[in-house]
Amino acid sequence: ACILFIVILFMKDKSRFEKAEAEKLRKIDEAKTKLFTNVSHEFRTPLTVINGMAEQMEKHPEKWMETGPEKIKTQSQILLRLVNQMLHIAKIEADEMPLNLIQGDIRKFVYYLSESFQSLAENMGIELIVSRQKEAIFTDYDPDKLMHIISNLLSNALKFTPAGGCVYVDVDNAIEEKKEVVKITVRDTGRGIPTESVEKIFERFYQVPDKNDQTPGTGLGLALTFELIKLMKGDIRVNSEKGKGTEFTVLLPVNV
């Protein structure tokens, strides 16, 4: 009887294990399918535009020769940015993206990156306000990783801020959990993020649903930003209210 009881328990445990494994494989297959679908969708739009423009230039070269190449170039850059973002994320997951730290004034570097977006902001009718302070903040940072982080946050802020709005950038010292950190804030007066979407915005390919005015994008920029900040042993926080704007706060350790 004891042996029979043990055999029955073993069979039940085996059955539960097999069901758990089957469910795990099912979720992996679903994730792969979702990833493939999202990637295909993101590639399809710019490729369709490029193909259409090429056909129009072939049929009516005199009409499209001036604007056609520039539009094709723009769509090609979108494709290249998507590929680069995916490669960066893959390298981070494979632990093949090391930090290349330098010692320097991180506040000055962030201001320099922010100023490069001034012309874009002006063309969009948005005021980009970069807070200026005299004190330098010398610390270890990876300029390439930080460039991607700031560029993604500013691009996102400008994209979702209507003409007449403002985007603010600030860099300061702060104390978090008794440790000194560099606090980089990017705040906008744009449409904001619904409460139910805030926790999802760092997921790959996730885009905040907007039936009235869906702004195109890959859904990879913030995911890459999150991964790069983790790589730099930092943290990112989001404070947003729909219709009033969004504030991203990046916290990076001083002297990693």
C-alpha atoms as a PDB file:
ATOM      1  CA  ALA A   1       0.000   0.000   0.000  1.00  0.00           C
ATOM      2  CA  CYS A   2       2.848   2.367   0.870  1.00  0.00           C
ATOM      3  CA  ILE A   3       4.596   1.632  -2.397  1.00  0.00           C
ATOM      4  CA  LEU A   4       1.357   2.186  -4.337  1.00  0.00           C
ATOM      5  CA  PHE A   5       0.820   5.479  -2.497  1.00  0.00           C
ATOM      6  CA  ILE A   6       4.364   6.631  -3.353  1.00  0.00           C
ATOM      7  CA  VAL A   7       3.880   5.643  -7.001  1.00  0.00           C
ATOM      8  CA  ILE A   8       0.605   7.615  -7.159  1.00  0.00           C
ATOM      9  CA  LEU A   9       2.297  10.697  -5.651  1.00  0.00           C
ATOM     10  CA  PHE A  10       5.165  10.356  -8.100  1.00  0.00           C
ATOM     11  CA  MET A  11       2.768  10.133 -11.049  1.00  0.00           C
ATOM     12  CA  LYS A  12       0.862  13.193  -9.828  1.00  0.00           C
ATOM     13  CA  ASP A  13       4.077  15.179  -9.418  1.00  0.00           C
ATOM     14  CA  LYS A  14       5.230  14.082 -12.844  1.00  0.00           C
ATOM     15  CA  SER A  15       1.900  15.124 -14.354  1.00  0.00           C
ATOM     16  CA  ARG A  16       2.085  18.552 -12.676  1.00  0.00           C
ATOM     17  CA  PHE A  17       5.676  18.995 -13.872  1.00  0.00           C
ATOM     18  CA  GLU A  18       4.747  18.061 -17.452  1.00  0.00           C
ATOM     19  CA  LYS A  19       1.801  20.485 -17.393  1.00  0.00           C
ATOM     20  CA  ALA A  20       4.024  23.271 -16.033  1.00  0.00           C
ATOM     21  CA  GLU A  21       6.636  22.607 -18.731  1.00  0.00           C
ATOM     22  CA  ALA A  22       3.950  22.563 -21.428  1.00  0.00           C
ATOM     23  CA  GLU A  23       2.572  25.891 -20.156  1.00  0.00           C
ATOM     24  CA  LYS A  24       6.088  27.355 -20.079  1.00  0.00           C
ATOM     25  CA  LEU A  25       6.723  26.279 -23.688  1.00  0.00           C
ATOM     26  CA  ARG A  26       3.339  27.690 -24.711  1.00  0.00           C
ATOM     27  CA  LYS A  27       4.199  31.087 -23.215  1.00  0.00           C
ATOM     28  CA  ILE A  28       7.606  31.051 -24.918  1.00  0.00           C
ATOM     29  CA  ASP A  29       5.945  30.292 -28.259  1.00  0.00           C
ATOM     30  CA  GLU A  30       3.454  33.119 -27.683  1.00  0.00           C
ATOM     31  CA  ALA A  31       6.293  35.528 -26.871  1.00  0.00           C
ATOM     32  CA  LYS A  32       8.189  34.500 -29.999  1.00  0.00           C
ATOM     33  CA  THR A  33       5.075  34.927 -32.127  1.00  0.00           C
ATOM     34  CA  LYS A  34       4.390  38.351 -30.620  1.00  0.00           C
ATOM     35  CA  LEU A  35       8.003  39.416 -31.154  1.00  0.00           C
ATOM     36  CA  PHE A  36       7.955  38.234 -34.774  1.00  0.00           C
ATOM     37  CA  THR A  37       4.639  40.003 -35.404  1.00  0.00           C
ATOM     38  CA  ASN A  38       5.817  43.270 -33.865  1.00  0.00           C
ATOM     39  CA  VAL A  39       9.156  43.259 -35.687  1.00  0.00           C
ATOM     40  CA  SER A  40       7.417  42.494 -38.988  1.00  0.00           C
ATOM     41  CA  HIS A  41       4.979  45.342 -38.415  1.00  0.00           C
ATOM     42  CA  GLU A  42       7.707  47.850 -37.562  1.00  0.00           C
ATOM     43  CA  PHE A  43       9.722  46.917 -40.644  1.00  0.00           C
ATOM     44  CA  ARG A  44       6.723  46.859 -42.964  1.00  0.00           C
ATOM     45  CA  THR A  45       5.767  50.533 -42.700  1.00  0.00           C
ATOM     46  CA  PRO A  46       9.105  52.139 -43.719  1.00  0.00           C
ATOM     47  CA  LEU A  47       9.744  49.431 -46.332  1.00  0.00           C
ATOM     48  CA  THR A  48       6.315  50.097 -47.854  1.00  0.00           C
ATOM     49  CA  VAL A  49       7.045  53.828 -47.986  1.00  0.00           C
ATOM     50  CA  ILE A  50      10.476  53.256 -49.564  1.00  0.00           C
ATOM     51  CA  ASN A  51       9.026  50.883 -52.166  1.00  0.00           C
ATOM     52  CA  GLY A  52       6.209  53.298 -52.995  1.00  0.00           C
ATOM     53  CA  MET A  53       8.554  56.259 -53.339  1.00  0.00           C
ATOM     54  CA  ALA A  54      10.916  54.260 -55.575  1.00  0.00           C
ATOM     55  CA  GLU A  55       8.025  53.316 -57.870  1.00  0.00           C
ATOM     56  CA  GLN A  56       6.833  56.939 -58.062  1.00  0.00           C
ATOM     57  CA  MET A  57      10.354  58.151 -58.854  1.00  0.00           C
ATOM     58  CA  GLU A  58      10.611  55.558 -61.595  1.00  0.00           C
ATOM     59  CA  LYS A  59       7.271  56.569 -63.153  1.00  0.00           C
ATOM     60  CA  HIS A  60       7.520  60.331 -62.616  1.00  0.00           C
ATOM     61  CA  PRO A  61      11.195  61.205 -62.019  1.00  0.00           C
ATOM     62  CA  GLU A  62      10.692  64.886 -62.747  1.00  0.00           C
ATOM     63  CA  LYS A  63       8.088  65.171 -59.979  1.00  0.00           C
ATOM     64  CA  TRP A  64       9.746  63.160 -57.218  1.00  0.00           C
ATOM     65  CA  MET A  65      13.458  63.647 -57.803  1.00  0.00           C
ATOM     66  CA  GLU A  66      13.679  66.571 -55.371  1.00  0.00           C
ATOM     67  CA  THR A  67      11.698  65.220 -52.414  1.00  0.00           C
ATOM     68  CA  GLY A  68      11.883  61.474 -53.076  1.00  0.00           C
ATOM     69  CA  PRO A  69      15.505  60.789 -52.051  1.00  0.00           C
ATOM     70  CA  GLU A  70      15.107  62.711 -48.800  1.00  0.00           C
ATOM     71  CA  LYS A  71      11.972  60.757 -47.843  1.00  0.00           C
ATOM     72  CA  ILE A  72      13.644  57.458 -48.705  1.00  0.00           C
ATOM     73  CA  LYS A  73      16.644  58.489 -46.599  1.00  0.00           C
ATOM     74  CA  THR A  74      14.373  59.302 -43.646  1.00  0.00           C
ATOM     75  CA  GLN A  75      12.658  55.919 -43.789  1.00  0.00           C
ATOM     76  CA  SER A  76      16.017  54.165 -44.165  1.00  0.00           C
ATOM     77  CA  GLN A  77      17.227  55.893 -40.996  1.00  0.00           C
ATOM     78  CA  ILE A  78      14.135  54.618 -39.172  1.00  0.00           C
ATOM     79  CA  LEU A  79      14.993  51.070 -40.247  1.00  0.00           C
ATOM     80  CA  LEU A  80      18.628  51.498 -39.235  1.00  0.00           C
ATOM     81  CA  ARG A  81      17.649  52.874 -35.825  1.00  0.00           C
ATOM     82  CA  LEU A  82      15.312  49.916 -35.265  1.00  0.00           C
ATOM     83  CA  VAL A  83      18.041  47.416 -36.173  1.00  0.00           C
ATOM     84  CA  ASN A  84      20.585  49.178 -33.932  1.00  0.00           C
ATOM     85  CA  GLN A  85      18.174  49.209 -30.988  1.00  0.00           C
ATOM     86  CA  MET A  86      17.486  45.490 -31.384  1.00  0.00           C
ATOM     87  CA  LEU A  87      21.210  44.729 -31.591  1.00  0.00           C
ATOM     88  CA  HIS A  88      21.908  46.789 -28.460  1.00  0.00           C
ATOM     89  CA  ILE A  89      19.230  44.920 -26.505  1.00  0.00           C
ATOM     90  CA  ALA A  90      20.533  41.565 -27.767  1.00  0.00           C
ATOM     91  CA  LYS A  91      24.081  42.480 -26.671  1.00  0.00           C
ATOM     92  CA  ILE A  92      22.869  43.501 -23.221  1.00  0.00           C
ATOM     93  CA  GLU A  93      20.970  40.220 -22.795  1.00  0.00           C
ATOM     94  CA  ALA A  94      24.024  38.245 -23.907  1.00  0.00           C
ATOM     95  CA  ASP A  95      26.187  40.241 -21.478  1.00  0.00           C
ATOM     96  CA  GLU A  96      28.309  41.399 -24.402  1.00  0.00           C
ATOM     97  CA  MET A  97      27.965  45.149 -23.900  1.00  0.00           C
ATOM     98  CA  PRO A  98      30.585  46.393 -21.433  1.00  0.00           C
ATOM     99  CA  LEU A  99      30.647  49.827 -19.862  1.00  0.00           C
ATOM    100  CA  ASN A 100      33.277  52.195 -21.270  1.00  0.00           C
ATOM    101  CA  LEU A 101      33.545  54.662 -18.425  1.00  0.00           C
ATOM    102  CA  ILE A 102      35.270  58.018 -18.474  1.00  0.00           C
ATOM    103  CA  GLN A 103      35.713  60.582 -15.708  1.00  0.00           C
ATOM    104  CA  GLY A 104      34.132  63.905 -16.625  1.00  0.00           C
ATOM    105  CA  ASP A 105      31.509  66.590 -16.043  1.00  0.00           C
ATOM    106  CA  ILE A 106      28.277  64.681 -16.637  1.00  0.00           C
ATOM    107  CA  ARG A 107      26.165  67.840 -16.313  1.00  0.00           C
ATOM    108  CA  LYS A 108      28.059  69.530 -19.147  1.00  0.00           C
ATOM    109  CA  PHE A 109      27.726  66.412 -21.328  1.00  0.00           C
ATOM    110  CA  VAL A 110      23.952  66.190 -20.811  1.00  0.00           C
ATOM    111  CA  TYR A 111      23.571  69.902 -21.588  1.00  0.00           C
ATOM    112  CA  TYR A 112      25.597  69.407 -24.777  1.00  0.00           C
ATOM    113  CA  LEU A 113      23.371  66.509 -25.867  1.00  0.00           C
ATOM    114  CA  SER A 114      20.220  68.478 -25.057  1.00  0.00           C
ATOM    115  CA  GLU A 115      21.312  71.528 -27.025  1.00  0.00           C
ATOM    116  CA  SER A 116      21.638  69.348 -30.150  1.00  0.00           C
ATOM    117  CA  PHE A 117      17.822  68.978 -30.058  1.00  0.00           C
ATOM    118  CA  GLN A 118      17.170  72.743 -30.070  1.00  0.00           C
ATOM    119  CA  SER A 119      16.688  73.049 -33.841  1.00  0.00           C
ATOM    120  CA  LEU A 120      14.308  70.072 -33.908  1.00  0.00           C
ATOM    121  CA  ALA A 121      12.306  71.553 -31.047  1.00  0.00           C
ATOM    122  CA  GLU A 122      12.088  74.924 -32.817  1.00  0.00           C
ATOM    123  CA  ASN A 123      10.880  73.282 -36.030  1.00  0.00           C
ATOM    124  CA  MET A 124       8.161  71.537 -34.016  1.00  0.00           C
ATOM    125  CA  GLY A 125       7.140  74.762 -32.305  1.00  0.00           C
ATOM    126  CA  ILE A 126       8.252  73.456 -28.892  1.00  0.00           C
ATOM    127  CA  GLU A 127      10.379  75.353 -26.371  1.00  0.00           C
ATOM    128  CA  LEU A 128      13.298  73.269 -25.099  1.00  0.00           C
ATOM    129  CA  ILE A 129      14.458  74.655 -21.764  1.00  0.00           C
ATOM    130  CA  VAL A 130      17.794  73.364 -20.459  1.00  0.00           C
ATOM    131  CA  SER A 131      18.381  74.338 -16.826  1.00  0.00           C
ATOM    132  CA  ARG A 132      21.788  75.987 -16.466  1.00  0.00           C
ATOM    133  CA  GLN A 133      23.843  75.732 -13.292  1.00  0.00           C
ATOM    134  CA  LYS A 134      27.482  76.620 -12.758  1.00  0.00           C
ATOM    135  CA  GLU A 135      28.641  73.727 -10.596  1.00  0.00           C
ATOM    136  CA  ALA A 136      30.172  70.802 -12.482  1.00  0.00           C
ATOM    137  CA  ILE A 137      29.363  67.217 -11.489  1.00  0.00           C
ATOM    138  CA  PHE A 138      32.424  65.053 -12.015  1.00  0.00           C
ATOM    139  CA  THR A 139      31.727  61.326 -12.037  1.00  0.00           C
ATOM    140  CA  ASP A 140      32.254  58.135 -14.035  1.00  0.00           C
ATOM    141  CA  TYR A 141      29.866  57.685 -16.962  1.00  0.00           C
ATOM    142  CA  ASP A 142      29.687  55.967 -20.334  1.00  0.00           C
ATOM    143  CA  PRO A 143      29.189  58.715 -22.947  1.00  0.00           C
ATOM    144  CA  ASP A 144      27.828  56.385 -25.633  1.00  0.00           C
ATOM    145  CA  LYS A 145      25.244  54.770 -23.331  1.00  0.00           C
ATOM    146  CA  LEU A 146      24.273  58.142 -21.854  1.00  0.00           C
ATOM    147  CA  MET A 147      23.861  59.594 -25.354  1.00  0.00           C
ATOM    148  CA  HIS A 148      21.320  56.863 -26.206  1.00  0.00           C
ATOM    149  CA  ILE A 149      19.472  57.413 -22.922  1.00  0.00           C
ATOM    150  CA  ILE A 150      19.163  61.198 -23.267  1.00  0.00           C
ATOM    151  CA  SER A 151      18.396  61.022 -27.006  1.00  0.00           C
ATOM    152  CA  ASN A 152      15.588  58.513 -26.469  1.00  0.00           C
ATOM    153  CA  LEU A 153      14.048  60.477 -23.611  1.00  0.00           C
ATOM    154  CA  LEU A 154      14.201  63.798 -25.482  1.00  0.00           C
ATOM    155  CA  SER A 155      12.901  62.264 -28.714  1.00  0.00           C
ATOM    156  CA  ASN A 156      10.027  60.737 -26.777  1.00  0.00           C
ATOM    157  CA  ALA A 157       9.253  64.018 -24.997  1.00  0.00           C
ATOM    158  CA  LEU A 158       9.254  66.042 -28.223  1.00  0.00           C
ATOM    159  CA  LYS A 159       7.181  63.432 -30.057  1.00  0.00           C
ATOM    160  CA  PHE A 160       4.347  63.570 -27.538  1.00  0.00           C
ATOM    161  CA  THR A 161       4.373  67.318 -26.902  1.00  0.00           C
ATOM    162  CA  PRO A 162       2.184  69.488 -29.159  1.00  0.00           C
ATOM    163  CA  ALA A 163       3.307  72.766 -30.698  1.00  0.00           C
ATOM    164  CA  GLY A 164       3.350  75.519 -28.108  1.00  0.00           C
ATOM    165  CA  GLY A 165       4.415  73.122 -25.357  1.00  0.00           C
ATOM    166  CA  CYS A 166       7.667  72.888 -23.414  1.00  0.00           C
ATOM    167  CA  VAL A 167      10.299  70.273 -22.668  1.00  0.00           C
ATOM    168  CA  TYR A 168      12.587  70.766 -19.671  1.00  0.00           C
ATOM    169  CA  VAL A 169      15.984  69.179 -18.967  1.00  0.00           C
ATOM    170  CA  ASP A 170      17.734  69.385 -15.619  1.00  0.00           C
ATOM    171  CA  VAL A 171      20.791  67.713 -14.044  1.00  0.00           C
ATOM    172  CA  ASP A 172      21.446  67.819 -10.319  1.00  0.00           C
ATOM    173  CA  ASN A 173      22.958  66.000  -7.336  1.00  0.00           C
ATOM    174  CA  ALA A 174      20.714  64.038  -5.007  1.00  0.00           C
ATOM    175  CA  ILE A 175      20.847  61.553  -2.145  1.00  0.00           C
ATOM    176  CA  GLU A 176      19.005  58.266  -2.603  1.00  0.00           C
ATOM    177  CA  GLU A 177      19.134  55.593   0.102  1.00  0.00           C
ATOM    178  CA  LYS A 178      22.084  57.401   1.720  1.00  0.00           C
ATOM    179  CA  LYS A 179      24.052  57.303  -1.544  1.00  0.00           C
ATOM    180  CA  GLU A 180      24.996  60.210  -3.791  1.00  0.00           C
ATOM    181  CA  VAL A 181      23.478  60.032  -7.259  1.00  0.00           C
ATOM    182  CA  VAL A 182      23.186  62.165 -10.364  1.00  0.00           C
ATOM    183  CA  LYS A 183      19.552  63.004 -11.085  1.00  0.00           C
ATOM    184  CA  ILE A 184      18.705  63.719 -14.729  1.00  0.00           C
ATOM    185  CA  THR A 185      15.172  64.971 -15.317  1.00  0.00           C
ATOM    186  CA  VAL A 186      13.381  65.234 -18.656  1.00  0.00           C
ATOM    187  CA  ARG A 187       9.902  66.728 -18.296  1.00  0.00           C
ATOM    188  CA  ASP A 188       7.347  67.696 -20.927  1.00  0.00           C
ATOM    189  CA  THR A 189       3.934  69.357 -21.068  1.00  0.00           C
ATOM    190  CA  GLY A 190       2.591  66.843 -23.558  1.00  0.00           C
ATOM    191  CA  ARG A 191      -0.353  64.475 -23.603  1.00  0.00           C
ATOM    192  CA  GLY A 192       0.825  62.385 -20.661  1.00  0.00           C
ATOM    193  CA  ILE A 193       0.520  58.648 -20.117  1.00  0.00           C
ATOM    194  CA  PRO A 194      -2.610  56.889 -18.820  1.00  0.00           C
ATOM    195  CA  THR A 195      -2.112  55.356 -15.357  1.00  0.00           C
ATOM    196  CA  GLU A 196      -2.709  51.832 -16.630  1.00  0.00           C
ATOM    197  CA  SER A 197       0.070  52.207 -19.223  1.00  0.00           C
ATOM    198  CA  VAL A 198       2.843  53.668 -17.047  1.00  0.00           C
ATOM    199  CA  GLU A 199       4.133  50.272 -15.876  1.00  0.00           C
ATOM    200  CA  LYS A 200       4.198  48.948 -19.448  1.00  0.00           C
ATOM    201  CA  ILE A 201       6.086  51.678 -21.292  1.00  0.00           C
ATOM    202  CA  PHE A 202       9.477  50.003 -20.779  1.00  0.00           C
ATOM    203  CA  GLU A 203       8.257  46.748 -22.352  1.00  0.00           C
ATOM    204  CA  ARG A 204       9.589  46.060 -25.830  1.00  0.00           C
ATOM    205  CA  PHE A 205       7.317  47.137 -28.687  1.00  0.00           C
ATOM    206  CA  TYR A 206       4.717  48.522 -26.276  1.00  0.00           C
ATOM    207  CA  GLN A 207       3.045  51.713 -27.433  1.00  0.00           C
ATOM    208  CA  VAL A 208       0.527  53.678 -25.416  1.00  0.00           C
ATOM    209  CA  PRO A 209      -2.830  53.207 -27.184  1.00  0.00           C
ATOM    210  CA  ASP A 210      -4.288  56.363 -28.662  1.00  0.00           C
ATOM    211  CA  LYS A 211      -7.270  55.964 -30.982  1.00  0.00           C
ATOM    212  CA  ASN A 212      -7.363  59.614 -31.982  1.00  0.00           C
ATOM    213  CA  ASP A 213      -3.735  60.357 -32.778  1.00  0.00           C
ATOM    214  CA  GLN A 214      -1.412  57.357 -32.650  1.00  0.00           C
ATOM    215  CA  THR A 215       2.133  58.651 -32.979  1.00  0.00           C
ATOM    216  CA  PRO A 216       4.215  56.152 -34.970  1.00  0.00           C
ATOM    217  CA  GLY A 217       7.223  54.538 -33.335  1.00  0.00           C
ATOM    218  CA  THR A 218       9.015  51.276 -32.803  1.00  0.00           C
ATOM    219  CA  GLY A 219       8.278  50.811 -29.118  1.00  0.00           C
ATOM    220  CA  LEU A 220      11.962  49.977 -28.545  1.00  0.00           C
ATOM    221  CA  GLY A 221      13.418  53.334 -27.508  1.00  0.00           C
ATOM    222  CA  LEU A 222      12.243  53.289 -23.889  1.00  0.00           C
ATOM    223  CA  ALA A 223      12.942  49.557 -23.576  1.00  0.00           C
ATOM    224  CA  LEU A 224      16.547  50.165 -24.626  1.00  0.00           C
ATOM    225  CA  THR A 225      16.755  53.183 -22.306  1.00  0.00           C
ATOM    226  CA  PHE A 226      15.644  51.025 -19.371  1.00  0.00           C
ATOM    227  CA  GLU A 227      18.198  48.311 -20.170  1.00  0.00           C
ATOM    228  CA  LEU A 228      21.056  50.813 -20.553  1.00  0.00           C
ATOM    229  CA  ILE A 229      20.229  52.476 -17.234  1.00  0.00           C
ATOM    230  CA  LYS A 230      20.219  49.075 -15.524  1.00  0.00           C
ATOM    231  CA  LEU A 231      23.586  48.349 -17.146  1.00  0.00           C
ATOM    232  CA  MET A 232      24.903  51.564 -15.606  1.00  0.00           C
ATOM    233  CA  LYS A 233      23.561  50.420 -12.208  1.00  0.00           C
ATOM    234  CA  GLY A 234      21.003  53.205 -12.227  1.00  0.00           C
ATOM    235  CA  ASP A 235      17.235  53.577 -11.988  1.00  0.00           C
ATOM    236  CA  ILE A 236      14.495  55.418 -13.885  1.00  0.00           C
ATOM    237  CA  ARG A 237      11.207  56.711 -12.522  1.00  0.00           C
ATOM    238  CA  VAL A 238       8.119  57.968 -14.304  1.00  0.00           C
ATOM    239  CA  ASN A 239       5.593  60.506 -13.108  1.00  0.00           C
ATOM    240  CA  SER A 240       2.811  61.249 -15.552  1.00  0.00           C
ATOM    241  CA  GLU A 241      -0.706  62.591 -15.685  1.00  0.00           C
ATOM    242  CA  LYS A 242      -2.793  62.254 -18.803  1.00  0.00           C
ATOM    243  CA  GLY A 243      -3.232  65.596 -20.502  1.00  0.00           C
ATOM    244  CA  LYS A 244      -0.640  67.348 -18.329  1.00  0.00           C
ATOM    245  CA  GLY A 245       2.699  65.816 -19.307  1.00  0.00           C
ATOM    246  CA  THR A 246       5.314  63.295 -18.264  1.00  0.00           C
ATOM    247  CA  GLU A 247       8.458  63.459 -16.166  1.00  0.00           C
ATOM    248  CA  PHE A 248      11.262  60.914 -16.482  1.00  0.00           C
ATOM    249  CA  THR A 249      13.876  60.899 -13.720  1.00  0.00           C
ATOM    250  CA  VAL A 250      17.114  58.999 -14.274  1.00  0.00           C
ATOM    251  CA  LEU A 251      19.207  58.230 -11.205  1.00  0.00           C
ATOM    252  CA  LEU A 252      22.822  57.242 -11.837  1.00  0.00           C
ATOM    253  CA  PRO A 253      25.360  56.393  -9.137  1.00  0.00           C
ATOM    254  CA  VAL A 254      28.270  58.769  -8.631  1.00  0.00           C
ATOM    255  CA  ASN A 255      31.595  57.079  -9.460  1.00  0.00           C
ATOM    256  CA  VAL A 256      30.307  53.650 -10.578  1.00  0.00           C
END
